[in-house]
PDB file of N, CA and C in Angstrom:
ATOM      1  N   MET A   1       0.738  -1.254   0.064  1.00  0.00           N
ATOM      2  CA  MET A   1      -0.126  -0.035  -0.038  1.00  0.00           C
ATOM      3  C   MET A   1       0.956   1.180  -0.027  1.00  0.00           C
ATOM      4  N   ALA A   2       1.946   1.280   0.845  1.00  0.00           N
ATOM      5  CA  ALA A   2       2.774   2.516   0.845  1.00  0.00           C
ATOM      6  C   ALA A   2       3.368   2.565  -0.446  1.00  0.00           C
ATOM      7  N   ALA A   3       3.788   1.697  -1.284  1.00  0.00           N
ATOM      8  CA  ALA A   3       4.375   1.900  -2.635  1.00  0.00           C
ATOM      9  C   ALA A   3       3.463   2.588  -3.534  1.00  0.00           C
ATOM     10  N   GLN A   4       2.230   2.069  -3.310  1.00  0.00           N
ATOM     11  CA  GLN A   4       1.289   2.693  -4.397  1.00  0.00           C
ATOM     12  C   GLN A   4       1.062   4.164  -3.880  1.00  0.00           C
ATOM     13  N   ILE A   5       0.886   4.508  -2.796  1.00  0.00           N
ATOM     14  CA  ILE A   5       0.643   5.871  -2.254  1.00  0.00           C
ATOM     15  C   ILE A   5       1.888   6.704  -2.784  1.00  0.00           C
ATOM     16  N   GLU A   6       3.085   6.189  -2.502  1.00  0.00           N
ATOM     17  CA  GLU A   6       4.305   6.846  -2.969  1.00  0.00           C
ATOM     18  C   GLU A   6       4.435   7.248  -4.510  1.00  0.00           C
ATOM     19  N   LYS A   7       3.862   6.228  -5.280  1.00  0.00           N
ATOM     20  CA  LYS A   7       3.873   6.394  -6.723  1.00  0.00           C
ATOM     21  C   LYS A   7       2.772   7.258  -6.972  1.00  0.00           C
ATOM     22  N   ILE A   8       1.741   7.388  -6.598  1.00  0.00           N
ATOM     23  CA  ILE A   8       0.795   8.398  -6.951  1.00  0.00           C
ATOM     24  C   ILE A   8       0.810   9.638  -6.437  1.00  0.00           C
ATOM     25  N   HIS A   9       1.532   9.893  -5.224  1.00  0.00           N
ATOM     26  CA  HIS A   9       1.969  11.126  -4.708  1.00  0.00           C
ATOM     27  C   HIS A   9       2.944  11.800  -5.494  1.00  0.00           C
ATOM     28  N   ALA A  10       4.062  10.944  -6.066  1.00  0.00           N
ATOM     29  CA  ALA A  10       5.023  11.345  -7.053  1.00  0.00           C
ATOM     30  C   ALA A  10       4.369  11.869  -8.287  1.00  0.00           C
ATOM     31  N   GLU A  11       3.476  11.056  -8.870  1.00  0.00           N
ATOM     32  CA  GLU A  11       2.886  11.482 -10.200  1.00  0.00           C
ATOM     33  C   GLU A  11       1.847  12.604 -10.310  1.00  0.00           C
ATOM     34  N   GLU A  12       1.131  12.863  -9.114  1.00  0.00           N
ATOM     35  CA  GLU A  12      -0.109  13.653  -9.089  1.00  0.00           C
ATOM     36  C   GLU A  12       0.089  14.886  -8.180  1.00  0.00           C
ATOM     37  N   THR A  13       1.027  15.173  -7.574  1.00  0.00           N
ATOM     38  CA  THR A  13       1.225  16.263  -6.788  1.00  0.00           C
ATOM     39  C   THR A  13       2.392  17.165  -7.296  1.00  0.00           C
ATOM     40  N   ALA A  14       2.180  18.544  -7.468  1.00  0.00           N
ATOM     41  CA  ALA A  14       3.154  19.336  -8.013  1.00  0.00           C
ATOM     42  C   ALA A  14       4.266  19.520  -6.909  1.00  0.00           C
ATOM     43  N   PRO A  15       5.408  19.528  -7.461  1.00  0.00           N
ATOM     44  CA  PRO A  15       6.804  19.628  -6.659  1.00  0.00           C
ATOM     45  C   PRO A  15       6.621  20.671  -5.481  1.00  0.00           C
ATOM     46  N   LEU A  16       6.122  21.893  -5.728  1.00  0.00           N
ATOM     47  CA  LEU A  16       5.849  23.081  -4.878  1.00  0.00           C
ATOM     48  C   LEU A  16       4.973  22.650  -3.710  1.00  0.00           C
ATOM     49  N   PHE A  17       4.075  21.767  -3.825  1.00  0.00           N
ATOM     50  CA  PHE A  17       3.204  21.440  -2.867  1.00  0.00           C
ATOM     51  C   PHE A  17       3.180  19.964  -2.362  1.00  0.00           C
ATOM     52  N   TYR A  18       4.253  19.135  -2.529  1.00  0.00           N
ATOM     53  CA  TYR A  18       4.616  17.785  -2.277  1.00  0.00           C
ATOM     54  C   TYR A  18       4.606  17.622  -0.809  1.00  0.00           C
ATOM     55  N   ASN A  19       5.275  18.641  -0.218  1.00  0.00           N
ATOM     56  CA  ASN A  19       5.837  18.442   1.302  1.00  0.00           C
ATOM     57  C   ASN A  19       4.640  18.979   2.352  1.00  0.00           C
ATOM     58  N   ASN A  20       3.467  18.597   2.323  1.00  0.00           N
ATOM     59  CA  ASN A  20       2.662  18.798   3.309  1.00  0.00           C
ATOM     60  C   ASN A  20       1.313  17.627   3.478  1.00  0.00           C
ATOM     61  N   GLU A  21       0.942  17.663   4.486  1.00  0.00           N
ATOM     62  CA  GLU A  21      -0.157  16.764   4.888  1.00  0.00           C
ATOM     63  C   GLU A  21      -1.438  16.791   3.729  1.00  0.00           C
ATOM     64  N   GLN A  22      -1.698  17.986   3.297  1.00  0.00           N
ATOM     65  CA  GLN A  22      -2.696  18.222   2.523  1.00  0.00           C
ATOM     66  C   GLN A  22      -2.522  17.439   1.165  1.00  0.00           C
ATOM     67  N   ALA A  23      -1.239  17.502   0.869  1.00  0.00           N
ATOM     68  CA  ALA A  23      -1.062  16.784  -0.535  1.00  0.00           C
ATOM     69  C   ALA A  23      -1.116  15.419  -0.436  1.00  0.00           C
ATOM     70  N   LEU A  24      -0.740  14.806   0.766  1.00  0.00           N
ATOM     71  CA  LEU A  24      -0.878  13.504   1.131  1.00  0.00           C
ATOM     72  C   LEU A  24      -2.409  13.137   1.136  1.00  0.00           C
ATOM     73  N   ARG A  25      -3.104  13.951   1.637  1.00  0.00           N
ATOM     74  CA  ARG A  25      -4.578  13.896   1.795  1.00  0.00           C
ATOM     75  C   ARG A  25      -5.326  13.683   0.450  1.00  0.00           C
ATOM     76  N   SER A  26      -4.660  14.528  -0.633  1.00  0.00           N
ATOM     77  CA  SER A  26      -5.270  14.503  -1.843  1.00  0.00           C
ATOM     78  C   SER A  26      -4.691  13.111  -2.521  1.00  0.00           C
ATOM     79  N   VAL A  27      -3.798  12.653  -2.251  1.00  0.00           N
ATOM     80  CA  VAL A  27      -3.399  11.243  -2.893  1.00  0.00           C
ATOM     81  C   VAL A  27      -4.378  10.328  -2.317  1.00  0.00           C
ATOM     82  N   VAL A  28      -4.550  10.265  -0.974  1.00  0.00           N
ATOM     83  CA  VAL A  28      -5.670   9.184  -0.382  1.00  0.00           C
ATOM     84  C   VAL A  28      -7.045   9.350  -1.076  1.00  0.00           C
ATOM     85  N   LYS A  29      -7.369  10.571  -1.243  1.00  0.00           N
ATOM     86  CA  LYS A  29      -8.661  10.946  -1.808  1.00  0.00           C
ATOM     87  C   LYS A  29      -8.873  10.395  -3.174  1.00  0.00           C
ATOM     88  N   LEU A  30      -7.667  10.562  -4.021  1.00  0.00           N
ATOM     89  CA  LEU A  30      -7.636  10.125  -5.288  1.00  0.00           C
ATOM     90  C   LEU A  30      -7.853   8.619  -5.451  1.00  0.00           C
ATOM     91  N   ALA A  31      -7.197   7.844  -4.488  1.00  0.00           N
ATOM     92  CA  ALA A  31      -7.300   6.485  -4.438  1.00  0.00           C
ATOM     93  C   ALA A  31      -8.779   6.017  -4.211  1.00  0.00           C
ATOM     94  N   TYR A  32      -9.524   6.985  -3.243  1.00  0.00           N
ATOM     95  CA  TYR A  32     -10.826   6.648  -2.997  1.00  0.00           C
ATOM     96  C   TYR A  32     -11.767   6.614  -4.186  1.00  0.00           C
ATOM     97  N   PHE A  33     -11.484   7.447  -5.186  1.00  0.00           N
ATOM     98  CA  PHE A  33     -12.340   7.247  -6.280  1.00  0.00           C
ATOM     99  C   PHE A  33     -12.620   5.897  -6.965  1.00  0.00           C
ATOM    100  N   SER A  34     -11.700   4.939  -6.746  1.00  0.00           N
ATOM    101  CA  SER A  34     -11.854   3.552  -7.359  1.00  0.00           C
ATOM    102  C   SER A  34     -12.841   2.859  -6.409  1.00  0.00           C
ATOM    103  N   TYR A  35     -13.169   3.386  -5.308  1.00  0.00           N
ATOM    104  CA  TYR A  35     -13.783   2.475  -4.330  1.00  0.00           C
ATOM    105  C   TYR A  35     -15.079   3.518  -3.806  1.00  0.00           C
ATOM    106  N   ARG A  36     -15.433   4.494  -4.436  1.00  0.00           N
ATOM    107  CA  ARG A  36     -16.770   5.229  -4.172  1.00  0.00           C
ATOM    108  C   ARG A  36     -17.983   4.384  -4.154  1.00  0.00           C
ATOM    109  N   ASP A  37     -18.001   3.508  -5.039  1.00  0.00           N
ATOM    110  CA  ASP A  37     -19.100   2.706  -5.012  1.00  0.00           C
ATOM    111  C   ASP A  37     -19.477   1.814  -3.602  1.00  0.00           C
ATOM    112  N   TYR A  38     -18.317   1.782  -2.887  1.00  0.00           N
ATOM    113  CA  TYR A  38     -18.330   0.926  -1.661  1.00  0.00           C
ATOM    114  C   TYR A  38     -18.353   1.683  -0.472  1.00  0.00           C
ATOM    115  N   TYR A  39     -17.867   2.849  -0.480  1.00  0.00           N
ATOM    116  CA  TYR A  39     -17.693   3.821   0.608  1.00  0.00           C
ATOM    117  C   TYR A  39     -18.177   5.140   0.565  1.00  0.00           C
ATOM    118  N   LEU A  40     -18.600   5.688   1.851  1.00  0.00           N
ATOM    119  CA  LEU A  40     -18.990   7.002   2.209  1.00  0.00           C
ATOM    120  C   LEU A  40     -17.788   7.639   2.888  1.00  0.00           C
ATOM    121  N   LYS A  41     -17.176   8.676   2.458  1.00  0.00           N
ATOM    122  CA  LYS A  41     -15.859   9.386   2.802  1.00  0.00           C
ATOM    123  C   LYS A  41     -16.314  10.537   3.695  1.00  0.00           C
ATOM    124  N   MET A  42     -15.799  10.704   4.884  1.00  0.00           N
ATOM    125  CA  MET A  42     -15.926  11.673   5.770  1.00  0.00           C
ATOM    126  C   MET A  42     -14.469  12.352   6.261  1.00  0.00           C
ATOM    127  N   GLU A  43     -14.366  13.671   6.145  1.00  0.00           N
ATOM    128  CA  GLU A  43     -13.099  14.122   6.639  1.00  0.00           C
ATOM    129  C   GLU A  43     -13.112  15.066   7.763  1.00  0.00           C
ATOM    130  N   GLU A  44     -12.117  15.091   8.653  1.00  0.00           N
ATOM    131  CA  GLU A  44     -12.075  16.008   9.809  1.00  0.00           C
ATOM    132  C   GLU A  44     -13.227  15.821  10.569  1.00  0.00           C
ATOM    133  N   LEU A  45     -13.650  14.422  10.850  1.00  0.00           N
ATOM    134  CA  LEU A  45     -14.668  14.103  11.438  1.00  0.00           C
ATOM    135  C   LEU A  45     -14.401  14.117  13.049  1.00  0.00           C
ATOM    136  N   PRO A  46     -15.263  14.795  13.765  1.00  0.00           N
ATOM    137  CA  PRO A  46     -15.151  14.891  15.022  1.00  0.00           C
ATOM    138  C   PRO A  46     -15.437  13.490  15.839  1.00  0.00           C
ATOM    139  N   SER A  47     -14.356  13.121  16.783  1.00  0.00           N
ATOM    140  CA  SER A  47     -14.699  11.767  17.340  1.00  0.00           C
ATOM    141  C   SER A  47     -13.601  11.733  18.633  1.00  0.00           C
ATOM    142  N   GLY A  48     -14.048  11.069  19.484  1.00  0.00           N
ATOM    143  CA  GLY A  48     -12.965  11.192  20.563  1.00  0.00           C
ATOM    144  C   GLY A  48     -12.589  12.257  21.175  1.00  0.00           C
ATOM    145  N   ASP A  49     -11.322  12.361  21.178  1.00  0.00           N
ATOM    146  CA  ASP A  49     -10.739  13.821  21.710  1.00  0.00           C
ATOM    147  C   ASP A  49     -10.193  14.335  20.575  1.00  0.00           C
ATOM    148  N   GLY A  50     -10.735  14.589  19.314  1.00  0.00           N
ATOM    149  CA  GLY A  50     -10.070  15.064  18.163  1.00  0.00           C
ATOM    150  C   GLY A  50     -10.906  15.109  16.982  1.00  0.00           C
ATOM    151  N   TYR A  51     -10.257  15.135  15.896  1.00  0.00           N
ATOM    152  CA  TYR A  51     -10.752  15.065  14.593  1.00  0.00           C
ATOM    153  C   TYR A  51     -10.164  14.029  13.704  1.00  0.00           C
ATOM    154  N   VAL A  52     -10.828  13.031  13.303  1.00  0.00           N
ATOM    155  CA  VAL A  52     -10.155  11.857  12.431  1.00  0.00           C
ATOM    156  C   VAL A  52     -10.059  12.621  11.148  1.00  0.00           C
ATOM    157  N   ASP A  53      -8.717  12.332  10.506  1.00  0.00           N
ATOM    158  CA  ASP A  53      -8.417  12.922   9.125  1.00  0.00           C
ATOM    159  C   ASP A  53      -9.481  12.504   8.174  1.00  0.00           C
ATOM    160  N   ILE A  54      -9.669  11.154   8.032  1.00  0.00           N
ATOM    161  CA  ILE A  54     -10.509  10.475   6.938  1.00  0.00           C
ATOM    162  C   ILE A  54     -11.173   9.286   7.695  1.00  0.00           C
ATOM    163  N   VAL A  55     -12.457   9.088   7.526  1.00  0.00           N
ATOM    164  CA  VAL A  55     -13.115   7.875   7.748  1.00  0.00           C
ATOM    165  C   VAL A  55     -13.786   7.439   6.628  1.00  0.00           C
ATOM    166  N   TYR A  56     -13.595   6.324   6.268  1.00  0.00           N
ATOM    167  CA  TYR A  56     -14.446   5.687   5.102  1.00  0.00           C
ATOM    168  C   TYR A  56     -15.385   4.591   5.663  1.00  0.00           C
ATOM    169  N   LEU A  57     -16.534   4.719   5.511  1.00  0.00           N
ATOM    170  CA  LEU A  57     -17.651   4.177   6.068  1.00  0.00           C
ATOM    171  C   LEU A  57     -18.491   3.271   4.835  1.00  0.00           C
ATOM    172  N   PRO A  58     -18.348   1.905   5.126  1.00  0.00           N
ATOM    173  CA  PRO A  58     -18.791   1.085   3.873  1.00  0.00           C
ATOM    174  C   PRO A  58     -20.358   1.474   3.651  1.00  0.00           C
ATOM    175  N   LYS A  59     -20.745   1.408   2.446  1.00  0.00           N
ATOM    176  CA  LYS A  59     -22.095   1.553   2.059  1.00  0.00           C
ATOM    177  C   LYS A  59     -22.910   0.200   2.568  1.00  0.00           C
ATOM    178  N   ARG A  60     -24.103   0.205   2.532  1.00  0.00           N
ATOM    179  CA  ARG A  60     -25.015  -0.726   3.046  1.00  0.00           C
ATOM    180  C   ARG A  60     -24.737  -2.130   2.674  1.00  0.00           C
ATOM    181  N   MET A  61     -24.681  -2.283   1.335  1.00  0.00           N
ATOM    182  CA  MET A  61     -24.333  -3.639   0.804  1.00  0.00           C
ATOM    183  C   MET A  61     -22.829  -3.935   0.495  1.00  0.00           C
ATOM    184  N   SER A  62     -21.934  -2.985   1.078  1.00  0.00           N
ATOM    185  CA  SER A  62     -20.551  -3.218   0.836  1.00  0.00           C
ATOM    186  C   SER A  62     -19.933  -4.236   1.838  1.00  0.00           C
ATOM    187  N   PRO A  63     -19.139  -5.162   1.165  1.00  0.00           N
ATOM    188  CA  PRO A  63     -18.389  -6.163   2.064  1.00  0.00           C
ATOM    189  C   PRO A  63     -17.171  -5.632   2.709  1.00  0.00           C
ATOM    190  N   MET A  64     -16.741  -4.399   2.552  1.00  0.00           N
ATOM    191  CA  MET A  64     -15.539  -3.707   2.853  1.00  0.00           C
ATOM    192  C   MET A  64     -15.656  -3.197   4.431  1.00  0.00           C
ATOM    193  N   PRO A  65     -14.367  -3.270   5.038  1.00  0.00           N
ATOM    194  CA  PRO A  65     -14.376  -2.767   6.440  1.00  0.00           C
ATOM    195  C   PRO A  65     -14.375  -1.151   6.275  1.00  0.00           C
ATOM    196  N   ALA A  66     -14.709  -0.775   7.579  1.00  0.00           N
ATOM    197  CA  ALA A  66     -14.601   0.603   8.021  1.00  0.00           C
ATOM    198  C   ALA A  66     -13.174   1.124   8.048  1.00  0.00           C
ATOM    199  N   LEU A  67     -12.753   2.146   7.517  1.00  0.00           N
ATOM    200  CA  LEU A  67     -11.479   2.575   7.659  1.00  0.00           C
ATOM    201  C   LEU A  67     -11.222   4.006   8.506  1.00  0.00           C
ATOM    202  N   VAL A  68     -10.455   4.093   9.609  1.00  0.00           N
ATOM    203  CA  VAL A  68     -10.074   5.157  10.430  1.00  0.00           C
ATOM    204  C   VAL A  68      -8.759   5.549   9.841  1.00  0.00           C
ATOM    205  N   VAL A  69      -8.618   6.645   9.274  1.00  0.00           N
ATOM    206  CA  VAL A  69      -7.228   6.882   8.551  1.00  0.00           C
ATOM    207  C   VAL A  69      -6.607   8.170   9.235  1.00  0.00           C
ATOM    208  N   GLU A  70      -5.505   8.381   9.556  1.00  0.00           N
ATOM    209  CA  GLU A  70      -4.559   9.318  10.178  1.00  0.00           C
ATOM    210  C   GLU A  70      -3.405   9.353   9.424  1.00  0.00           C
ATOM    211  N   LEU A  71      -3.131  10.631   8.763  1.00  0.00           N
ATOM    212  CA  LEU A  71      -2.256  11.117   8.136  1.00  0.00           C
ATOM    213  C   LEU A  71      -1.020  11.846   8.753  1.00  0.00           C
ATOM    214  N   LYS A  72       0.179  11.576   8.497  1.00  0.00           N
ATOM    215  CA  LYS A  72       1.425  12.226   9.087  1.00  0.00           C
ATOM    216  C   LYS A  72       2.457  12.660   8.111  1.00  0.00           C
ATOM    217  N   TRP A  73       2.836  13.935   8.122  1.00  0.00           N
ATOM    218  CA  TRP A  73       4.101  14.200   7.595  1.00  0.00           C
ATOM    219  C   TRP A  73       5.079  14.788   8.554  1.00  0.00           C
ATOM    220  N   LYS A  74       6.330  14.255   8.403  1.00  0.00           N
ATOM    221  CA  LYS A  74       7.438  14.579   9.210  1.00  0.00           C
ATOM    222  C   LYS A  74       7.242  13.809  10.645  1.00  0.00           C
ATOM    223  N   HIS A  75       6.390  12.811  10.902  1.00  0.00           N
ATOM    224  CA  HIS A  75       6.141  12.002  11.904  1.00  0.00           C
ATOM    225  C   HIS A  75       6.057  10.651  11.615  1.00  0.00           C
ATOM    226  N   SER A  76       6.109   9.642  12.502  1.00  0.00           N
ATOM    227  CA  SER A  76       6.198   8.152  12.160  1.00  0.00           C
ATOM    228  C   SER A  76       4.835   7.760  12.218  1.00  0.00           C
ATOM    229  N   VAL A  77       4.887   6.654  11.304  1.00  0.00           N
ATOM    230  CA  VAL A  77       3.552   5.948  11.019  1.00  0.00           C
ATOM    231  C   VAL A  77       2.889   5.344  12.374  1.00  0.00           C
ATOM    232  N   GLN A  78       3.846   5.161  13.218  1.00  0.00           N
ATOM    233  CA  GLN A  78       3.477   4.474  14.663  1.00  0.00           C
ATOM    234  C   GLN A  78       3.006   5.587  15.337  1.00  0.00           C
ATOM    235  N   GLY A  79       3.268   6.894  15.200  1.00  0.00           N
ATOM    236  CA  GLY A  79       2.609   7.981  15.907  1.00  0.00           C
ATOM    237  C   GLY A  79       1.384   8.212  15.268  1.00  0.00           C
ATOM    238  N   ALA A  80       1.163   7.971  14.006  1.00  0.00           N
ATOM    239  CA  ALA A  80      -0.356   8.195  13.349  1.00  0.00           C
ATOM    240  C   ALA A  80      -1.359   7.071  14.168  1.00  0.00           C
ATOM    241  N   ILE A  81      -0.801   5.749  14.080  1.00  0.00           N
ATOM    242  CA  ILE A  81      -1.690   4.797  14.661  1.00  0.00           C
ATOM    243  C   ILE A  81      -1.904   5.096  16.207  1.00  0.00           C
ATOM    244  N   ALA A  82      -0.766   5.600  17.063  1.00  0.00           N
ATOM    245  CA  ALA A  82      -1.007   5.940  18.130  1.00  0.00           C
ATOM    246  C   ALA A  82      -1.963   6.914  18.724  1.00  0.00           C
ATOM    247  N   GLN A  83      -1.828   7.884  17.540  1.00  0.00           N
ATOM    248  CA  GLN A  83      -2.970   9.193  17.752  1.00  0.00           C
ATOM    249  C   GLN A  83      -4.355   8.516  17.721  1.00  0.00           C
ATOM    250  N   ILE A  84      -4.544   7.747  16.681  1.00  0.00           N
ATOM    251  CA  ILE A  84      -5.805   6.923  16.459  1.00  0.00           C
ATOM    252  C   ILE A  84      -6.407   6.331  17.738  1.00  0.00           C
ATOM    253  N   LYS A  85      -5.515   5.741  18.635  1.00  0.00           N
ATOM    254  CA  LYS A  85      -5.866   4.919  19.636  1.00  0.00           C
ATOM    255  C   LYS A  85      -5.915   6.027  20.866  1.00  0.00           C
ATOM    256  N   ASP A  86      -5.077   6.886  21.008  1.00  0.00           N
ATOM    257  CA  ASP A  86      -5.030   7.681  22.311  1.00  0.00           C
ATOM    258  C   ASP A  86      -6.131   8.696  22.200  1.00  0.00           C
ATOM    259  N   ARG A  87      -6.511   9.137  20.891  1.00  0.00           N
ATOM    260  CA  ARG A  87      -7.667  10.171  20.951  1.00  0.00           C
ATOM    261  C   ARG A  87      -8.946   9.584  20.803  1.00  0.00           C
ATOM    262  N   ARG A  88      -8.959   8.232  20.828  1.00  0.00           N
ATOM    263  CA  ARG A  88     -10.123   7.369  20.720  1.00  0.00           C
ATOM    264  C   ARG A  88     -11.027   7.617  19.471  1.00  0.00           C
ATOM    265  N   TYR A  89     -10.297   7.863  18.503  1.00  0.00           N
ATOM    266  CA  TYR A  89     -11.006   8.106  16.915  1.00  0.00           C
ATOM    267  C   TYR A  89     -11.970   7.009  16.831  1.00  0.00           C
ATOM    268  N   PRO A  90     -11.753   5.830  16.852  1.00  0.00           N
ATOM    269  CA  PRO A  90     -12.785   4.833  16.448  1.00  0.00           C
ATOM    270  C   PRO A  90     -14.159   4.966  17.130  1.00  0.00           C
ATOM    271  N   THR A  91     -14.429   5.760  18.219  1.00  0.00           N
ATOM    272  CA  THR A  91     -15.590   5.857  18.958  1.00  0.00           C
ATOM    273  C   THR A  91     -16.452   6.548  17.944  1.00  0.00           C
ATOM    274  N   VAL A  92     -16.251   7.073  16.791  1.00  0.00           N
ATOM    275  CA  VAL A  92     -17.190   7.936  16.022  1.00  0.00           C
ATOM    276  C   VAL A  92     -17.994   6.393  15.235  1.00  0.00           C
ATOM    277  N   LEU A  93     -17.451   5.264  15.243  1.00  0.00           N
ATOM    278  CA  LEU A  93     -18.045   4.143  14.810  1.00  0.00           C
ATOM    279  C   LEU A  93     -18.541   3.355  15.576  1.00  0.00           C
ATOM    280  N   SER A  94     -18.901   3.572  16.803  1.00  0.00           N
ATOM    281  CA  SER A  94     -19.477   2.983  17.915  1.00  0.00           C
ATOM    282  C   SER A  94     -20.618   2.184  17.604  1.00  0.00           C
ATOM    283  N   GLY A  95     -21.476   2.437  16.788  1.00  0.00           N
ATOM    284  CA  GLY A  95     -22.660   1.730  16.502  1.00  0.00           C
ATOM    285  C   GLY A  95     -22.731   1.010  15.133  1.00  0.00           C
ATOM    286  N   TYR A  96     -21.295   1.088  14.644  1.00  0.00           N
ATOM    287  CA  TYR A  96     -21.167   0.022  13.485  1.00  0.00           C
ATOM    288  C   TYR A  96     -20.646  -1.092  13.843  1.00  0.00           C
ATOM    289  N   GLY A  97     -21.437  -2.185  13.336  1.00  0.00           N
ATOM    290  CA  GLY A  97     -21.236  -3.623  13.710  1.00  0.00           C
ATOM    291  C   GLY A  97     -20.184  -4.376  12.989  1.00  0.00           C
ATOM    292  N   GLY A  98     -19.628  -3.757  11.883  1.00  0.00           N
ATOM    293  CA  GLY A  98     -18.703  -4.515  11.210  1.00  0.00           C
ATOM    294  C   GLY A  98     -16.971  -4.388  11.604  1.00  0.00           C
ATOM    295  N   GLU A  99     -16.183  -4.827  10.744  1.00  0.00           N
ATOM    296  CA  GLU A  99     -14.697  -4.928  10.868  1.00  0.00           C
ATOM    297  C   GLU A  99     -14.145  -3.344  10.589  1.00  0.00           C
ATOM    298  N   ILE A 100     -13.552  -3.100  11.683  1.00  0.00           N
ATOM    299  CA  ILE A 100     -12.867  -1.630  11.621  1.00  0.00           C
ATOM    300  C   ILE A 100     -11.285  -1.893  11.391  1.00  0.00           C
ATOM    301  N   LEU A 101     -10.851  -0.984  10.721  1.00  0.00           N
ATOM    302  CA  LEU A 101      -9.345  -1.039  10.395  1.00  0.00           C
ATOM    303  C   LEU A 101      -8.764   0.332  10.661  1.00  0.00           C
ATOM    304  N   LEU A 102      -7.710   0.274  11.468  1.00  0.00           N
ATOM    305  CA  LEU A 102      -6.985   1.590  11.687  1.00  0.00           C
ATOM    306  C   LEU A 102      -5.977   1.812  10.590  1.00  0.00           C
ATOM    307  N   VAL A 103      -5.765   2.822  10.103  1.00  0.00           N
ATOM    308  CA  VAL A 103      -4.835   3.099   9.012  1.00  0.00           C
ATOM    309  C   VAL A 103      -3.939   4.369   9.269  1.00  0.00           C
ATOM    310  N   GLY A 104      -2.625   4.169   9.610  1.00  0.00           N
ATOM    311  CA  GLY A 104      -1.729   5.270   9.420  1.00  0.00           C
ATOM    312  C   GLY A 104      -0.837   5.306   8.447  1.00  0.00           C
ATOM    313  N   ILE A 105      -0.945   6.486   7.862  1.00  0.00           N
ATOM    314  CA  ILE A 105      -0.164   6.804   6.607  1.00  0.00           C
ATOM    315  C   ILE A 105       0.902   7.921   6.892  1.00  0.00           C
ATOM    316  N   ALA A 106       2.246   7.588   6.648  1.00  0.00           N
ATOM    317  CA  ALA A 106       3.186   8.849   7.088  1.00  0.00           C
ATOM    318  C   ALA A 106       4.021   9.064   5.882  1.00  0.00           C
ATOM    319  N   TYR A 107       4.710  10.173   5.833  1.00  0.00           N
ATOM    320  CA  TYR A 107       5.689  10.577   4.669  1.00  0.00           C
ATOM    321  C   TYR A 107       6.740  11.199   5.276  1.00  0.00           C
ATOM    322  N   GLU A 108       7.788  10.736   4.910  1.00  0.00           N
ATOM    323  CA  GLU A 108       9.156  11.444   5.502  1.00  0.00           C
ATOM    324  C   GLU A 108      10.019  11.802   4.278  1.00  0.00           C
ATOM    325  N   LYS A 109      10.788  12.952   4.235  1.00  0.00           N
ATOM    326  CA  LYS A 109      11.529  13.484   3.256  1.00  0.00           C
ATOM    327  C   LYS A 109      12.875  13.239   3.887  1.00  0.00           C
ATOM    328  N   GLY A 110      13.911  12.741   3.105  1.00  0.00           N
ATOM    329  CA  GLY A 110      15.139  12.961   3.723  1.00  0.00           C
ATOM    330  C   GLY A 110      16.311  12.885   2.414  1.00  0.00           C
ATOM    331  N   ALA A 111      17.285  13.557   2.634  1.00  0.00           N
ATOM    332  CA  ALA A 111      18.488  13.446   1.594  1.00  0.00           C
ATOM    333  C   ALA A 111      18.229  12.956   0.227  1.00  0.00           C
ATOM    334  N   GLY A 112      17.315  13.501  -0.545  1.00  0.00           N
ATOM    335  CA  GLY A 112      17.114  12.970  -1.920  1.00  0.00           C
ATOM    336  C   GLY A 112      16.170  12.032  -1.982  1.00  0.00           C
ATOM    337  N   MET A 113      15.530  11.633  -0.907  1.00  0.00           N
ATOM    338  CA  MET A 113      14.407  10.382  -1.255  1.00  0.00           C
ATOM    339  C   MET A 113      13.159  10.937  -0.493  1.00  0.00           C
ATOM    340  N   ARG A 114      12.160  10.368  -0.835  1.00  0.00           N
ATOM    341  CA  ARG A 114      10.929  10.441  -0.446  1.00  0.00           C
ATOM    342  C   ARG A 114      10.232   8.936  -0.043  1.00  0.00           C
ATOM    343  N   LYS A 115       9.853   8.913   1.112  1.00  0.00           N
ATOM    344  CA  LYS A 115       9.442   7.530   1.708  1.00  0.00           C
ATOM    345  C   LYS A 115       8.146   7.609   2.494  1.00  0.00           C
ATOM    346  N   HIS A 116       7.261   6.740   2.091  1.00  0.00           N
ATOM    347  CA  HIS A 116       5.856   6.495   2.578  1.00  0.00           C
ATOM    348  C   HIS A 116       5.916   5.313   3.383  1.00  0.00           C
ATOM    349  N   THR A 117       5.403   5.349   4.497  1.00  0.00           N
ATOM    350  CA  THR A 117       5.061   4.278   5.263  1.00  0.00           C
ATOM    351  C   THR A 117       3.509   4.065   5.462  1.00  0.00           C
ATOM    352  N   CYS A 118       3.161   2.769   5.867  1.00  0.00           N
ATOM    353  CA  CYS A 118       1.778   2.636   6.059  1.00  0.00           C
ATOM    354  C   CYS A 118       1.566   1.435   6.967  1.00  0.00           C
ATOM    355  N   VAL A 119       0.898   1.596   8.032  1.00  0.00           N
ATOM    356  CA  VAL A 119       0.449   0.471   9.157  1.00  0.00           C
ATOM    357  C   VAL A 119      -1.105   0.355   9.137  1.00  0.00           C
ATOM    358  N   ILE A 120      -1.440  -1.020   9.049  1.00  0.00           N
ATOM    359  CA  ILE A 120      -3.059  -1.072   9.030  1.00  0.00           C
ATOM    360  C   ILE A 120      -3.097  -2.169  10.415  1.00  0.00           C
ATOM    361  N   GLU A 121      -3.890  -1.898  11.193  1.00  0.00           N
ATOM    362  CA  GLU A 121      -4.402  -2.645  12.333  1.00  0.00           C
ATOM    363  C   GLU A 121      -5.941  -2.818  12.216  1.00  0.00           C
ATOM    364  N   LYS A 122      -6.314  -3.938  12.616  1.00  0.00           N
ATOM    365  CA  LYS A 122      -7.684  -4.573  12.800  1.00  0.00           C
ATOM    366  C   LYS A 122      -8.046  -4.454  14.264  1.00  0.00           C
ATOM    367  N   ILE A 123      -9.099  -3.781  14.440  1.00  0.00           N
ATOM    368  CA  ILE A 123      -9.667  -3.782  15.848  1.00  0.00           C
ATOM    369  C   ILE A 123     -10.924  -4.511  16.018  1.00  0.00           C
TER     370      ILE A 123
END
């Protein structure tokens, strides 16, 4: 998953805007278009002790799991997952009876390279 995000980020983001969380958000939203028949997308959704970057809630007949997504730039992917848990973001889905995945996506830039990482945890 990280490799695909890295590829789309490089292809679809202008160099002047590459290094920020909003550019990474746009990349994730672009990937969403392939699954819009299966999901409802909500951004900056109030939940727990903060705002979830993106929540993908499966549509009624969709077999897909719900996704709670936290995006990070200049921070670790482990920090993204920790934030989801620490701030209790999954509480927004408390009435949802299906599978929920926590998704942390991080981007780091260093000495001529751009690296994306992703962690997915099932709760």
